[in-house]
Amino acid sequence: MKNYVALLRAVNVAGKNKINMNELKMAIQNAGFTNVKTYIQSGNLILSSELQREEQVANKLTETIQNAFELTIDVFVYEEVNYNEIIQNNPFPPESIGEEERWLAVFYKENIHIPPQKNHQAEVVAIGRVLYVHVFSNQIHTLKLPIFLGEYKKTLSTSRNWRTTLKLQTFLQAIDSPE
């Protein structure tokens, strides 16, 4: 049995792709996943599965969502060890980030190759399947991330703020800890 984080792309955003998280949890449990936990309404899942590869889990979740909600949702899946590595690889140490600044993690299905960049709004560093984004004070609502992305502008991705990214790791750790 392996533990996974699954991130659903564009769920419950601006009234589109509406999925009730309790109903989603039930559908996923009925599909054979265990330790299912959702976090906030934007499609963040923690789960356990007998399936051994991230791609298998993503395919099963996509199929389950299609059958239960008649929606085709892109699903990004990270095995626990890979997710923990994502957290460890964050190139922006907490002590270097001011209170008004923000971090984002942009998740991809494959490794991305974007050179480290910085401008007046943000700095980005790509490591593996994640683009780490440090947004400077008061720039979050005007951030033009595509200027950093080059050929990856149209590559399928989903983003989460760093607090959510860390919270999902906490839920993963809770699966392995006795109650």
C-alpha atoms as a PDB file:
ATOM      1  CA  MET A   1       0.000   0.000   0.000  1.00  0.00           C
ATOM      2  CA  LYS A   2       1.375   3.400  -1.011  1.00  0.00           C
ATOM      3  CA  ASN A   3       0.292   6.900  -0.027  1.00  0.00           C
ATOM      4  CA  TYR A   4      -0.291   9.615  -2.596  1.00  0.00           C
ATOM      5  CA  VAL A   5      -1.149  13.278  -3.010  1.00  0.00           C
ATOM      6  CA  ALA A   6      -3.522  13.960  -5.891  1.00  0.00           C
ATOM      7  CA  LEU A   7      -4.148  17.462  -7.183  1.00  0.00           C
ATOM      8  CA  LEU A   8      -7.175  18.048  -9.374  1.00  0.00           C
ATOM      9  CA  ARG A   9      -6.806  20.838 -11.913  1.00  0.00           C
ATOM     10  CA  ALA A  10      -9.435  23.593 -12.195  1.00  0.00           C
ATOM     11  CA  VAL A  11     -11.998  22.167  -9.776  1.00  0.00           C
ATOM     12  CA  ASN A  12     -14.584  24.522  -8.263  1.00  0.00           C
ATOM     13  CA  VAL A  13     -13.010  27.550  -9.944  1.00  0.00           C
ATOM     14  CA  ALA A  14     -15.340  30.371 -11.028  1.00  0.00           C
ATOM     15  CA  GLY A  15     -18.329  28.038 -10.939  1.00  0.00           C
ATOM     16  CA  LYS A  16     -16.771  25.522 -13.331  1.00  0.00           C
ATOM     17  CA  ASN A  17     -16.092  21.827 -12.757  1.00  0.00           C
ATOM     18  CA  LYS A  18     -18.089  21.817  -9.549  1.00  0.00           C
ATOM     19  CA  ILE A  19     -17.467  18.803  -7.367  1.00  0.00           C
ATOM     20  CA  ASN A  20     -18.647  18.412  -3.793  1.00  0.00           C
ATOM     21  CA  MET A  21     -15.628  17.210  -1.813  1.00  0.00           C
ATOM     22  CA  ASN A  22     -17.681  14.846   0.370  1.00  0.00           C
ATOM     23  CA  GLU A  23     -19.169  13.234  -2.733  1.00  0.00           C
ATOM     24  CA  LEU A  24     -15.705  13.064  -4.290  1.00  0.00           C
ATOM     25  CA  LYS A  25     -14.337  11.349  -1.195  1.00  0.00           C
ATOM     26  CA  MET A  26     -17.131   8.756  -1.293  1.00  0.00           C
ATOM     27  CA  ALA A  27     -16.627   8.071  -5.011  1.00  0.00           C
ATOM     28  CA  ILE A  28     -12.889   7.600  -4.514  1.00  0.00           C
ATOM     29  CA  GLN A  29     -13.409   5.271  -1.551  1.00  0.00           C
ATOM     30  CA  ASN A  30     -15.932   3.277  -3.598  1.00  0.00           C
ATOM     31  CA  ALA A  31     -13.250   2.926  -6.295  1.00  0.00           C
ATOM     32  CA  GLY A  32     -11.024   1.093  -3.802  1.00  0.00           C
ATOM     33  CA  PHE A  33      -8.825   3.861  -2.408  1.00  0.00           C
ATOM     34  CA  THR A  34      -8.335   4.103   1.362  1.00  0.00           C
ATOM     35  CA  ASN A  35      -7.288   6.811   3.845  1.00  0.00           C
ATOM     36  CA  VAL A  36      -9.006   9.344   1.578  1.00  0.00           C
ATOM     37  CA  LYS A  37      -8.902  12.916   2.812  1.00  0.00           C
ATOM     38  CA  THR A  38      -9.824  16.086   0.972  1.00  0.00           C
ATOM     39  CA  TYR A  39      -8.496  19.511   1.808  1.00  0.00           C
ATOM     40  CA  ILE A  40     -10.385  22.702   1.004  1.00  0.00           C
ATOM     41  CA  GLN A  41     -12.661  22.871  -2.023  1.00  0.00           C
ATOM     42  CA  SER A  42     -10.042  23.060  -4.761  1.00  0.00           C
ATOM     43  CA  GLY A  43      -9.367  19.381  -5.368  1.00  0.00           C
ATOM     44  CA  ASN A  44      -6.588  18.400  -2.986  1.00  0.00           C
ATOM     45  CA  LEU A  45      -6.571  14.733  -2.033  1.00  0.00           C
ATOM     46  CA  ILE A  46      -4.567  12.405   0.161  1.00  0.00           C
ATOM     47  CA  LEU A  47      -5.147   8.701  -0.349  1.00  0.00           C
ATOM     48  CA  SER A  48      -3.670   5.239  -0.157  1.00  0.00           C
ATOM     49  CA  SER A  49      -3.751   2.619  -2.873  1.00  0.00           C
ATOM     50  CA  GLU A  50      -2.536  -0.831  -3.814  1.00  0.00           C
ATOM     51  CA  LEU A  51      -1.649   0.676  -7.198  1.00  0.00           C
ATOM     52  CA  GLN A  52       2.104   1.002  -7.447  1.00  0.00           C
ATOM     53  CA  ARG A  53       2.624   3.848  -9.911  1.00  0.00           C
ATOM     54  CA  GLU A  54       1.551   7.480  -9.945  1.00  0.00           C
ATOM     55  CA  GLU A  55       0.252   7.152 -13.502  1.00  0.00           C
ATOM     56  CA  GLN A  56      -1.997   4.233 -12.508  1.00  0.00           C
ATOM     57  CA  VAL A  57      -3.458   6.231  -9.621  1.00  0.00           C
ATOM     58  CA  ALA A  58      -4.016   9.282 -11.856  1.00  0.00           C
ATOM     59  CA  ASN A  59      -5.772   7.163 -14.485  1.00  0.00           C
ATOM     60  CA  LYS A  60      -8.021   5.488 -11.905  1.00  0.00           C
ATOM     61  CA  LEU A  61      -8.933   8.836 -10.329  1.00  0.00           C
ATOM     62  CA  THR A  62      -9.655  10.387 -13.740  1.00  0.00           C
ATOM     63  CA  GLU A  63     -11.904   7.436 -14.609  1.00  0.00           C
ATOM     64  CA  THR A  64     -13.655   7.607 -11.219  1.00  0.00           C
ATOM     65  CA  ILE A  65     -14.359  11.340 -11.557  1.00  0.00           C
ATOM     66  CA  GLN A  66     -15.602  10.870 -15.131  1.00  0.00           C
ATOM     67  CA  ASN A  67     -17.984   8.100 -14.046  1.00  0.00           C
ATOM     68  CA  ALA A  68     -19.230   9.791 -10.864  1.00  0.00           C
ATOM     69  CA  PHE A  69     -19.449  13.427 -12.001  1.00  0.00           C
ATOM     70  CA  GLU A  70     -19.342  13.300 -15.815  1.00  0.00           C
ATOM     71  CA  LEU A  71     -16.330  15.627 -15.771  1.00  0.00           C
ATOM     72  CA  THR A  72     -12.953  15.195 -17.391  1.00  0.00           C
ATOM     73  CA  ILE A  73     -10.488  16.562 -14.857  1.00  0.00           C
ATOM     74  CA  ASP A  74      -6.708  16.563 -15.152  1.00  0.00           C
ATOM     75  CA  VAL A  75      -5.172  14.808 -12.147  1.00  0.00           C
ATOM     76  CA  PHE A  76      -1.596  15.247 -10.906  1.00  0.00           C
ATOM     77  CA  VAL A  77      -0.406  12.466  -8.603  1.00  0.00           C
ATOM     78  CA  TYR A  78       2.718  12.286  -6.437  1.00  0.00           C
ATOM     79  CA  GLU A  79       3.766   9.281  -4.385  1.00  0.00           C
ATOM     80  CA  GLU A  80       4.588  10.172  -0.778  1.00  0.00           C
ATOM     81  CA  VAL A  81       8.357   9.910  -1.208  1.00  0.00           C
ATOM     82  CA  ASN A  82       8.217  12.148  -4.305  1.00  0.00           C
ATOM     83  CA  TYR A  83       5.944  14.659  -2.594  1.00  0.00           C
ATOM     84  CA  ASN A  84       8.276  14.878   0.392  1.00  0.00           C
ATOM     85  CA  GLU A  85      11.121  15.515  -2.033  1.00  0.00           C
ATOM     86  CA  ILE A  86       9.130  18.389  -3.553  1.00  0.00           C
ATOM     87  CA  ILE A  87       8.904  19.983  -0.104  1.00  0.00           C
ATOM     88  CA  GLN A  88      12.614  19.442   0.587  1.00  0.00           C
ATOM     89  CA  ASN A  89      13.627  20.879  -2.797  1.00  0.00           C
ATOM     90  CA  ASN A  90      12.011  24.282  -2.191  1.00  0.00           C
ATOM     91  CA  PRO A  91      14.842  26.680  -3.052  1.00  0.00           C
ATOM     92  CA  PHE A  92      13.333  29.540  -1.059  1.00  0.00           C
ATOM     93  CA  PRO A  93      14.071  29.028   2.645  1.00  0.00           C
ATOM     94  CA  PRO A  94      11.354  30.322   4.988  1.00  0.00           C
ATOM     95  CA  GLU A  95      13.684  32.811   6.641  1.00  0.00           C
ATOM     96  CA  SER A  96      14.299  34.517   3.275  1.00  0.00           C
ATOM     97  CA  ILE A  97      10.627  35.260   2.602  1.00  0.00           C
ATOM     98  CA  GLY A  98       9.032  38.405   4.003  1.00  0.00           C
ATOM     99  CA  GLU A  99       5.578  38.441   5.587  1.00  0.00           C
ATOM    100  CA  GLU A 100       3.935  40.095   2.571  1.00  0.00           C
ATOM    101  CA  GLU A 101       5.547  37.733   0.073  1.00  0.00           C
ATOM    102  CA  ARG A 102       4.056  34.500  -1.248  1.00  0.00           C
ATOM    103  CA  TRP A 103       5.238  31.120  -2.483  1.00  0.00           C
ATOM    104  CA  LEU A 104       3.534  29.014  -5.089  1.00  0.00           C
ATOM    105  CA  ALA A 105       4.257  25.550  -6.371  1.00  0.00           C
ATOM    106  CA  VAL A 106       3.245  24.902  -9.960  1.00  0.00           C
ATOM    107  CA  PHE A 107       2.934  21.155 -10.527  1.00  0.00           C
ATOM    108  CA  TYR A 108       3.553  19.407 -13.862  1.00  0.00           C
ATOM    109  CA  LYS A 109       3.174  15.810 -15.003  1.00  0.00           C
ATOM    110  CA  GLU A 110       6.722  15.673 -16.349  1.00  0.00           C
ATOM    111  CA  ASN A 111      10.059  17.288 -15.592  1.00  0.00           C
ATOM    112  CA  ILE A 112      10.314  20.872 -16.769  1.00  0.00           C
ATOM    113  CA  HIS A 113      13.405  22.724 -17.845  1.00  0.00           C
ATOM    114  CA  ILE A 114      12.978  26.418 -17.119  1.00  0.00           C
ATOM    115  CA  PRO A 115      16.114  28.320 -16.148  1.00  0.00           C
ATOM    116  CA  PRO A 116      16.037  30.167 -12.801  1.00  0.00           C
ATOM    117  CA  GLN A 117      14.704  33.675 -13.436  1.00  0.00           C
ATOM    118  CA  LYS A 118      13.886  36.813 -11.509  1.00  0.00           C
ATOM    119  CA  ASN A 119      12.178  40.110 -12.300  1.00  0.00           C
ATOM    120  CA  HIS A 120      10.459  42.870 -10.320  1.00  0.00           C
ATOM    121  CA  GLN A 121       7.438  40.630  -9.560  1.00  0.00           C
ATOM    122  CA  ALA A 122       8.867  37.242  -8.716  1.00  0.00           C
ATOM    123  CA  GLU A 123      11.582  34.688  -9.020  1.00  0.00           C
ATOM    124  CA  VAL A 124      11.155  31.120 -10.251  1.00  0.00           C
ATOM    125  CA  VAL A 125      13.190  27.941 -10.017  1.00  0.00           C
ATOM    126  CA  ALA A 126      12.209  24.687 -11.746  1.00  0.00           C
ATOM    127  CA  ILE A 127      13.195  21.426 -10.087  1.00  0.00           C
ATOM    128  CA  GLY A 128      11.855  18.175 -11.482  1.00  0.00           C
ATOM    129  CA  ARG A 129       8.104  18.394 -12.009  1.00  0.00           C
ATOM    130  CA  VAL A 130       7.633  21.571  -9.965  1.00  0.00           C
ATOM    131  CA  LEU A 131       8.133  25.263 -10.673  1.00  0.00           C
ATOM    132  CA  TYR A 132       8.781  27.025  -7.368  1.00  0.00           C
ATOM    133  CA  VAL A 133       7.581  30.616  -7.436  1.00  0.00           C
ATOM    134  CA  HIS A 134       8.525  33.311  -4.926  1.00  0.00           C
ATOM    135  CA  VAL A 135       6.176  36.257  -5.429  1.00  0.00           C
ATOM    136  CA  PHE A 136       7.349  39.589  -4.071  1.00  0.00           C
ATOM    137  CA  SER A 137       5.170  41.802  -1.865  1.00  0.00           C
ATOM    138  CA  ASN A 138       1.810  42.835  -3.278  1.00  0.00           C
ATOM    139  CA  GLN A 139       2.490  41.202  -6.662  1.00  0.00           C
ATOM    140  CA  ILE A 140       0.341  38.076  -6.364  1.00  0.00           C
ATOM    141  CA  HIS A 141      -2.691  39.552  -8.156  1.00  0.00           C
ATOM    142  CA  THR A 142      -0.683  41.016 -11.019  1.00  0.00           C
ATOM    143  CA  LEU A 143       1.837  38.221 -11.445  1.00  0.00           C
ATOM    144  CA  LYS A 144       2.368  37.380 -15.097  1.00  0.00           C
ATOM    145  CA  LEU A 145       3.786  33.894 -14.697  1.00  0.00           C
ATOM    146  CA  PRO A 146       3.740  33.124 -18.460  1.00  0.00           C
ATOM    147  CA  ILE A 147       6.653  35.511 -19.006  1.00  0.00           C
ATOM    148  CA  PHE A 148       8.842  32.989 -17.172  1.00  0.00           C
ATOM    149  CA  LEU A 149       7.508  29.864 -18.825  1.00  0.00           C
ATOM    150  CA  GLY A 150       8.768  30.035 -22.407  1.00  0.00           C
ATOM    151  CA  GLU A 151       7.844  26.816 -24.220  1.00  0.00           C
ATOM    152  CA  TYR A 152       5.956  25.639 -21.100  1.00  0.00           C
ATOM    153  CA  LYS A 153       3.258  28.346 -21.379  1.00  0.00           C
ATOM    154  CA  LYS A 154       0.744  25.833 -22.690  1.00  0.00           C
ATOM    155  CA  THR A 155       1.976  22.781 -20.786  1.00  0.00           C
ATOM    156  CA  LEU A 156      -0.656  21.332 -18.484  1.00  0.00           C
ATOM    157  CA  SER A 157      -0.080  22.342 -14.857  1.00  0.00           C
ATOM    158  CA  THR A 158      -1.858  23.116 -11.623  1.00  0.00           C
ATOM    159  CA  SER A 159      -0.697  25.438  -8.864  1.00  0.00           C
ATOM    160  CA  ARG A 160      -1.056  25.558  -5.097  1.00  0.00           C
ATOM    161  CA  ASN A 161       0.076  28.102  -2.559  1.00  0.00           C
ATOM    162  CA  TRP A 162       2.865  26.899  -0.324  1.00  0.00           C
ATOM    163  CA  ARG A 163       0.676  26.699   2.791  1.00  0.00           C
ATOM    164  CA  THR A 164      -1.607  24.219   1.026  1.00  0.00           C
ATOM    165  CA  THR A 165       1.404  22.301  -0.283  1.00  0.00           C
ATOM    166  CA  LEU A 166       2.735  21.926   3.282  1.00  0.00           C
ATOM    167  CA  LYS A 167      -0.671  21.040   4.713  1.00  0.00           C
ATOM    168  CA  LEU A 168      -0.962  18.129   2.300  1.00  0.00           C
ATOM    169  CA  GLN A 169       2.388  16.830   3.521  1.00  0.00           C
ATOM    170  CA  THR A 170       1.057  16.990   7.104  1.00  0.00           C
ATOM    171  CA  PHE A 171      -1.908  14.837   6.071  1.00  0.00           C
ATOM    172  CA  LEU A 172       0.440  12.343   4.414  1.00  0.00           C
ATOM    173  CA  GLN A 173       2.464  12.068   7.607  1.00  0.00           C
ATOM    174  CA  ALA A 174      -0.730  11.491   9.618  1.00  0.00           C
ATOM    175  CA  ILE A 175      -1.516   8.355   7.578  1.00  0.00           C
ATOM    176  CA  ASP A 176       1.680   6.745   8.792  1.00  0.00           C
ATOM    177  CA  SER A 177       1.344   7.885  12.414  1.00  0.00           C
ATOM    178  CA  PRO A 178      -0.704   5.961  14.949  1.00  0.00           C
ATOM    179  CA  GLU A 179      -3.708   7.940  16.130  1.00  0.00           C
END
